[in-house]
Amino acid sequence: MNSKKKLEIERQSKELHLRLHELARSTEPADRQLMESNVLRLYKALSKRKPHILWCDSPLQLFVIPCLIDRFARSGKVSFEEMRAQAEKEYWIERNNV
């Protein structure tokens, strides 16, 4: 690879890094439908299984939910779908009673 092309790749990488950092710190609502479709396309292109996508409404949820999923998944007592349905039911009830 010539040095000119290498410099261009480095420049684009820095721009992408800055943009991703900006997006990660954003408090604007996510375009969930667009994000999910892009993630699914990426997994398909990589010949990977379709991922489970969970959306969090706060940084606390983002921290707690993976810990809970891991804990319950390791117990072998609850399937992912059962756990998700229960979490959605509880969260929906709590959210609408506030």
Protein backbone atom coordinates (compact mmCIF):
# COMPACT_ATOMS: atom_id res chain seq x y z
CA MET A 1 0.00 0.00 0.00
CA ASN A 2 1.42 3.37 -0.93
CA SER A 3 1.89 6.07 1.68
CA LYS A 4 -0.78 8.34 0.16
CA LYS A 5 -3.44 5.64 0.45
CA LYS A 6 -2.27 4.79 3.97
CA LEU A 7 -2.60 8.43 5.04
CA GLU A 8 -6.10 8.59 3.57
CA ILE A 9 -7.15 5.44 5.47
CA GLU A 10 -5.73 6.89 8.70
CA ARG A 11 -7.60 10.15 8.12
CA GLN A 12 -10.87 8.34 7.48
CA SER A 13 -10.32 6.13 10.53
CA LYS A 14 -9.82 9.18 12.74
CA GLU A 15 -12.96 10.81 11.34
CA LEU A 16 -14.95 7.62 11.92
CA HIS A 17 -13.60 7.30 15.46
CA LEU A 18 -14.61 10.89 16.27
CA ARG A 19 -18.08 10.38 14.76
CA LEU A 20 -18.64 7.13 16.68
CA HIS A 21 -17.49 8.78 19.90
CA GLU A 22 -19.91 11.65 19.25
CA LEU A 23 -22.77 9.22 18.61
CA ALA A 24 -21.96 7.17 21.71
CA ARG A 25 -22.20 10.27 23.90
CA SER A 26 -25.33 11.62 22.24
CA THR A 27 -28.54 12.01 24.21
CA GLU A 28 -30.66 12.28 21.06
CA PRO A 29 -33.21 9.51 20.49
CA ALA A 30 -31.86 6.62 18.43
CA ASP A 31 -33.40 5.63 15.14
CA ARG A 32 -34.04 2.11 16.45
CA GLN A 33 -35.53 0.73 13.26
CA LEU A 34 -32.59 1.93 11.15
CA MET A 35 -30.05 0.65 13.67
CA GLU A 36 -31.67 -2.77 13.96
CA SER A 37 -31.90 -3.21 10.19
CA ASN A 38 -28.23 -2.23 9.79
CA VAL A 39 -27.10 -4.58 12.58
CA LEU A 40 -29.08 -7.44 11.03
CA ARG A 41 -27.58 -6.72 7.59
CA LEU A 42 -24.08 -6.71 9.10
CA TYR A 43 -24.60 -10.04 10.87
CA LYS A 44 -26.04 -11.55 7.68
CA ALA A 45 -23.08 -10.29 5.63
CA LEU A 46 -20.74 -11.89 8.18
CA SER A 47 -22.76 -15.15 8.07
CA LYS A 48 -23.50 -14.83 11.78
CA ARG A 49 -26.65 -15.82 13.66
CA LYS A 50 -29.25 -13.10 14.08
CA PRO A 51 -28.47 -11.30 17.37
CA HIS A 52 -30.92 -10.50 20.14
CA ILE A 53 -31.24 -6.72 20.24
CA LEU A 54 -32.28 -5.06 23.48
CA TRP A 55 -32.75 -1.33 23.82
CA CYS A 56 -32.00 0.45 27.07
CA ASP A 57 -33.55 3.70 28.23
CA SER A 58 -30.74 4.70 30.56
CA PRO A 59 -27.04 4.10 31.27
CA LEU A 60 -28.08 2.17 34.38
CA GLN A 61 -30.13 -0.26 32.30
CA LEU A 62 -27.22 -0.59 29.89
CA PHE A 63 -25.05 -1.68 32.81
CA VAL A 64 -27.56 -3.87 34.68
CA ILE A 65 -29.33 -5.74 31.89
CA PRO A 66 -26.27 -7.62 30.53
CA CYS A 67 -25.38 -8.66 34.09
CA LEU A 68 -28.88 -10.01 34.67
CA ILE A 69 -28.96 -11.80 31.33
CA ASP A 70 -25.63 -13.44 32.07
CA ARG A 71 -26.70 -14.48 35.55
CA PHE A 72 -30.00 -16.01 34.45
CA ALA A 73 -28.53 -17.59 31.32
CA ARG A 74 -25.90 -19.37 33.41
CA SER A 75 -28.58 -20.71 35.76
CA GLY A 76 -30.15 -22.71 32.91
CA LYS A 77 -33.56 -22.25 34.52
CA VAL A 78 -34.87 -19.53 32.23
CA SER A 79 -34.65 -19.21 28.45
CA PHE A 80 -33.70 -15.93 26.89
CA GLU A 81 -37.20 -15.51 25.44
CA GLU A 82 -38.85 -16.16 28.82
CA MET A 83 -36.51 -13.70 30.49
CA ARG A 84 -37.13 -11.04 27.85
CA ALA A 85 -40.91 -11.48 28.05
CA GLN A 86 -40.81 -11.15 31.84
CA ALA A 87 -38.55 -8.09 31.69
CA GLU A 88 -40.80 -6.42 29.12
CA LYS A 89 -43.89 -7.20 31.20
CA GLU A 90 -42.35 -5.85 34.41
CA TYR A 91 -40.81 -2.82 32.73
CA TRP A 92 -44.04 -2.03 30.88
CA ILE A 93 -46.08 -2.22 34.09
CA GLU A 94 -43.58 -0.13 36.06
CA ARG A 95 -43.24 2.44 33.30
CA ASN A 96 -47.00 2.92 32.89
CA ASN A 97 -47.73 3.14 36.61
CA VAL A 98 -45.36 6.05 37.14
